[in-house]
Amino acid sequence: MAEMMPPAGAPKGAPPAGADAAAMRERAANAMMDKERARYEAMAAAAPKPTKPYSAKTVQTLIDTFNETIDKLGGQDLPAVEVDLAGAERWEQPLPPAIFVPLTALFQAVDQVGGGKFSGKYTVEPGELVDDNGLRMAAGQLMRMGNDAMLAKAMQAPINASGGQAGGEMEGAPAMKGGPAMKGGAMTRGSMGDEDKALMESM
């Protein structure tokens, strides 16, 4: 049987096409991770400095309320945001990225789901999170969101082929708990886009 020969003109020792494809996928994945890391760092850098130290208890209450709200909106038990406050009674720094980024991402996502039907209904600007009152206000908004059955339904709606949600167009929004974003629409890990999953992993 004749020995198979490489196509004419093919360089000797050239890697098989499969290896080239794998290398391209790896480069694309690394580029996406770099993009999401930069996105996460930019969001984290937007956390304002408190006008006076936060009460660690108020920070923890915000974190607990966020976790409860995400579980209600997602219709499932999602990975919890956890922040080590190191036993401090007061927190003099900006909110830790582990809570500030997913909190900001959640409010951005709420503005976009359901074709924008909830835009402006639940609003917390990052610049308002500068003292305990601002954190309490955010926690109150989260509690209201968690009790909104229509919002939960919109958050859990499947994503259609065009990248929007059934019943309304939506641009990909940052991911949620644990740091991925609840991006791209329905709050289920399986429905997230690749960029959303990458951001969540980076958080």
Protein backbone atom coordinates (compact mmCIF):
# COMPACT_ATOMS: atom_id res chain seq x y z
CA MET A 1 0.00 0.00 0.00
CA ALA A 2 1.40 3.35 -1.00
CA GLU A 3 2.52 5.51 1.88
CA MET A 4 0.33 8.60 2.33
CA MET A 5 2.18 11.72 1.42
CA PRO A 6 1.47 15.31 2.58
CA PRO A 7 -0.11 17.63 0.02
CA ALA A 8 2.29 19.16 -2.45
CA GLY A 9 3.82 22.33 -1.11
CA ALA A 10 3.07 21.54 2.52
CA PRO A 11 6.07 22.37 4.74
CA LYS A 12 7.76 19.43 6.39
CA GLY A 13 6.90 19.01 10.03
CA ALA A 14 3.88 21.33 9.78
CA PRO A 15 1.41 20.75 12.67
CA PRO A 16 -1.87 19.14 11.71
CA ALA A 17 -4.87 21.34 11.09
CA GLY A 18 -6.40 20.16 14.35
CA ALA A 19 -3.48 21.56 16.32
CA ASP A 20 -3.81 24.92 14.55
CA ALA A 21 -7.51 25.07 15.41
CA ALA A 22 -6.83 24.23 19.04
CA ALA A 23 -4.18 26.93 19.26
CA MET A 24 -6.55 29.48 17.73
CA ARG A 25 -9.26 28.55 20.23
CA GLU A 26 -6.81 28.92 23.09
CA ARG A 27 -5.70 32.36 21.87
CA ALA A 28 -9.30 33.44 21.50
CA ALA A 29 -10.14 32.19 25.00
CA ASN A 30 -7.14 34.00 26.49
CA ALA A 31 -8.09 37.21 24.70
CA MET A 32 -11.63 36.95 26.05
CA MET A 33 -10.35 36.36 29.58
CA ASP A 34 -8.06 39.39 29.29
CA LYS A 35 -11.02 41.46 28.11
CA GLU A 36 -13.21 40.32 30.99
CA ARG A 37 -10.42 40.85 33.51
CA ALA A 38 -10.03 44.43 32.28
CA ARG A 39 -13.79 44.87 32.43
CA TYR A 40 -13.91 43.59 36.00
CA GLU A 41 -11.00 45.79 37.09
CA ALA A 42 -12.62 48.86 35.52
CA MET A 43 -15.89 48.18 37.35
CA ALA A 44 -14.05 47.60 40.63
CA ALA A 45 -12.13 50.87 40.24
CA ALA A 46 -15.44 52.75 40.08
CA ALA A 47 -16.24 51.94 43.72
CA PRO A 48 -16.36 55.31 45.55
CA LYS A 49 -14.45 56.04 48.72
CA PRO A 50 -16.75 56.30 51.73
CA THR A 51 -17.28 59.77 53.13
CA LYS A 52 -16.85 58.13 56.52
CA PRO A 53 -16.05 54.49 57.39
CA TYR A 54 -18.83 52.00 56.77
CA SER A 55 -20.11 49.90 59.61
CA ALA A 56 -18.90 46.36 58.93
CA LYS A 57 -22.32 45.15 60.04
CA THR A 58 -23.99 47.29 57.36
CA VAL A 59 -21.61 45.97 54.70
CA GLN A 60 -22.37 42.40 55.73
CA THR A 61 -26.11 43.09 55.69
CA LEU A 62 -25.77 44.36 52.11
CA ILE A 63 -23.86 41.22 51.12
CA ASP A 64 -26.42 38.91 52.75
CA THR A 65 -29.32 40.77 51.13
CA PHE A 66 -27.61 40.62 47.74
CA ASN A 67 -27.17 36.85 48.02
CA GLU A 68 -30.79 36.33 49.02
CA THR A 69 -32.03 38.53 46.17
CA ILE A 70 -29.93 36.78 43.54
CA ASP A 71 -31.27 33.39 44.61
CA LYS A 72 -34.86 34.69 44.35
CA LEU A 73 -34.33 36.34 40.98
CA GLY A 74 -32.44 33.39 39.59
CA GLY A 75 -34.94 30.82 40.84
CA GLN A 76 -32.13 28.68 42.18
CA ASP A 77 -29.37 28.58 44.77
CA LEU A 78 -26.48 30.45 43.14
CA PRO A 79 -22.92 30.68 44.48
CA ALA A 80 -22.83 33.23 47.27
CA VAL A 81 -20.74 36.38 47.36
CA GLU A 82 -18.39 36.19 50.32
CA VAL A 83 -16.23 39.00 51.69
CA ASP A 84 -13.74 38.68 54.51
CA LEU A 85 -14.03 41.83 56.59
CA ALA A 86 -11.22 40.59 58.83
CA GLY A 87 -13.26 41.04 61.99
CA ALA A 88 -13.25 44.82 61.64
CA GLU A 89 -16.04 46.90 63.12
CA ARG A 90 -15.53 49.68 60.59
CA TRP A 91 -14.59 49.48 56.89
CA GLU A 92 -12.62 52.53 55.76
CA GLN A 93 -11.99 51.46 52.17
CA PRO A 94 -14.31 51.42 49.12
CA LEU A 95 -16.61 48.42 48.96
CA PRO A 96 -14.63 45.28 48.10
CA PRO A 97 -14.82 44.31 44.40
CA ALA A 98 -16.35 40.95 45.36
CA ILE A 99 -19.60 42.74 46.28
CA PHE A 100 -19.35 46.07 44.42
CA VAL A 101 -18.89 44.55 40.95
CA PRO A 102 -21.75 42.02 41.04
CA LEU A 103 -24.01 44.57 42.79
CA THR A 104 -23.37 47.11 40.04
CA ALA A 105 -23.79 44.44 37.39
CA LEU A 106 -27.14 43.40 38.84
CA PHE A 107 -28.59 46.90 38.68
CA GLN A 108 -27.30 47.24 35.11
CA ALA A 109 -28.92 43.94 34.15
CA VAL A 110 -32.25 44.89 35.73
CA ASP A 111 -32.33 48.02 33.57
CA GLN A 112 -32.05 45.85 30.44
CA VAL A 113 -34.21 42.78 31.04
CA GLY A 114 -37.73 42.59 29.71
CA GLY A 115 -36.98 45.02 26.92
CA GLY A 116 -36.17 47.74 29.46
CA LYS A 117 -39.51 47.41 31.25
CA PHE A 118 -37.81 47.69 34.64
CA SER A 119 -35.45 50.50 33.69
CA GLY A 120 -35.48 53.17 36.36
CA LYS A 121 -37.68 51.16 38.72
CA TYR A 122 -34.78 49.95 40.84
CA THR A 123 -31.96 52.45 40.78
CA VAL A 124 -28.80 52.76 42.81
CA GLU A 125 -25.94 54.83 41.43
CA PRO A 126 -22.41 53.76 42.44
CA GLY A 127 -21.78 57.31 43.65
CA GLU A 128 -24.52 56.90 46.25
CA LEU A 129 -22.70 54.07 48.02
CA VAL A 130 -20.53 56.37 50.11
CA ASP A 131 -21.92 55.78 53.60
CA ASP A 132 -24.08 53.44 55.65
CA ASN A 133 -27.26 55.17 54.49
CA GLY A 134 -26.30 54.50 50.87
CA LEU A 135 -25.70 50.83 51.63
CA ARG A 136 -29.03 50.58 53.47
CA MET A 137 -30.77 52.16 50.49
CA ALA A 138 -29.16 49.60 48.16
CA ALA A 139 -30.19 46.76 50.47
CA GLY A 140 -33.75 48.09 50.49
CA GLN A 141 -33.82 48.15 46.69
CA LEU A 142 -32.50 44.59 46.61
CA MET A 143 -35.28 43.44 48.94
CA ARG A 144 -37.88 45.06 46.68
CA MET A 145 -36.33 43.39 43.65
CA GLY A 146 -36.38 40.01 45.36
CA ASN A 147 -40.12 40.35 45.97
CA ASP A 148 -40.90 41.34 42.37
CA ALA A 149 -42.28 38.20 40.70
CA MET A 150 -42.39 39.84 37.28
CA LEU A 151 -38.75 40.84 37.51
CA ALA A 152 -37.78 37.31 38.54
CA LYS A 153 -39.67 35.93 35.54
CA ALA A 154 -37.86 38.36 33.22
CA MET A 155 -34.48 37.46 34.71
CA GLN A 156 -35.12 33.78 34.16
CA ALA A 157 -36.42 34.15 30.61
CA PRO A 158 -34.46 32.16 28.01
CA ILE A 159 -32.20 33.98 25.60
CA ASN A 160 -33.25 33.90 21.97
CA ALA A 161 -31.01 33.26 19.00
CA SER A 162 -30.30 36.96 18.45
CA GLY A 163 -28.86 37.28 21.94
CA GLY A 164 -31.87 39.03 23.44
CA GLN A 165 -34.51 37.67 25.76
CA ALA A 166 -37.82 36.27 24.70
CA GLY A 167 -40.28 39.11 25.01
CA GLY A 168 -37.69 41.86 24.80
CA GLU A 169 -34.30 42.77 23.40
CA MET A 170 -31.43 42.94 25.80
CA GLU A 171 -27.78 43.63 25.44
CA GLY A 172 -25.39 41.41 27.35
CA ALA A 173 -25.15 42.62 30.93
CA PRO A 174 -22.41 41.90 33.43
CA ALA A 175 -22.60 38.72 35.41
CA MET A 176 -23.68 38.27 38.95
CA LYS A 177 -22.78 36.30 41.93
CA GLY A 178 -19.44 34.99 42.73
CA GLY A 179 -18.26 37.37 40.50
CA PRO A 180 -19.80 36.16 36.79
CA ALA A 181 -21.82 38.06 35.71
CA MET A 182 -25.27 37.35 35.28
CA LYS A 183 -24.68 38.35 31.88
CA GLY A 184 -26.55 38.06 28.82
CA GLY A 185 -30.01 37.56 30.15
CA ALA A 186 -31.48 34.71 32.11
CA MET A 187 -29.86 34.17 35.46
CA THR A 188 -28.67 30.64 34.93
CA ARG A 189 -25.08 29.67 34.33
CA GLY A 190 -26.04 27.59 31.31
CA SER A 191 -27.67 30.56 29.62
CA MET A 192 -24.72 32.90 30.04
CA GLY A 193 -22.62 33.93 27.09
CA ASP A 194 -18.94 33.04 26.98
CA GLU A 195 -17.92 36.54 28.07
CA ASP A 196 -20.32 36.39 31.03
CA LYS A 197 -18.95 33.04 32.16
CA ALA A 198 -15.40 34.36 31.89
CA LEU A 199 -16.21 37.42 33.99
CA MET A 200 -17.88 35.28 36.63
CA GLU A 201 -14.84 33.04 36.83
CA SER A 202 -12.60 36.09 37.24
CA MET A 203 -14.56 37.49 40.16
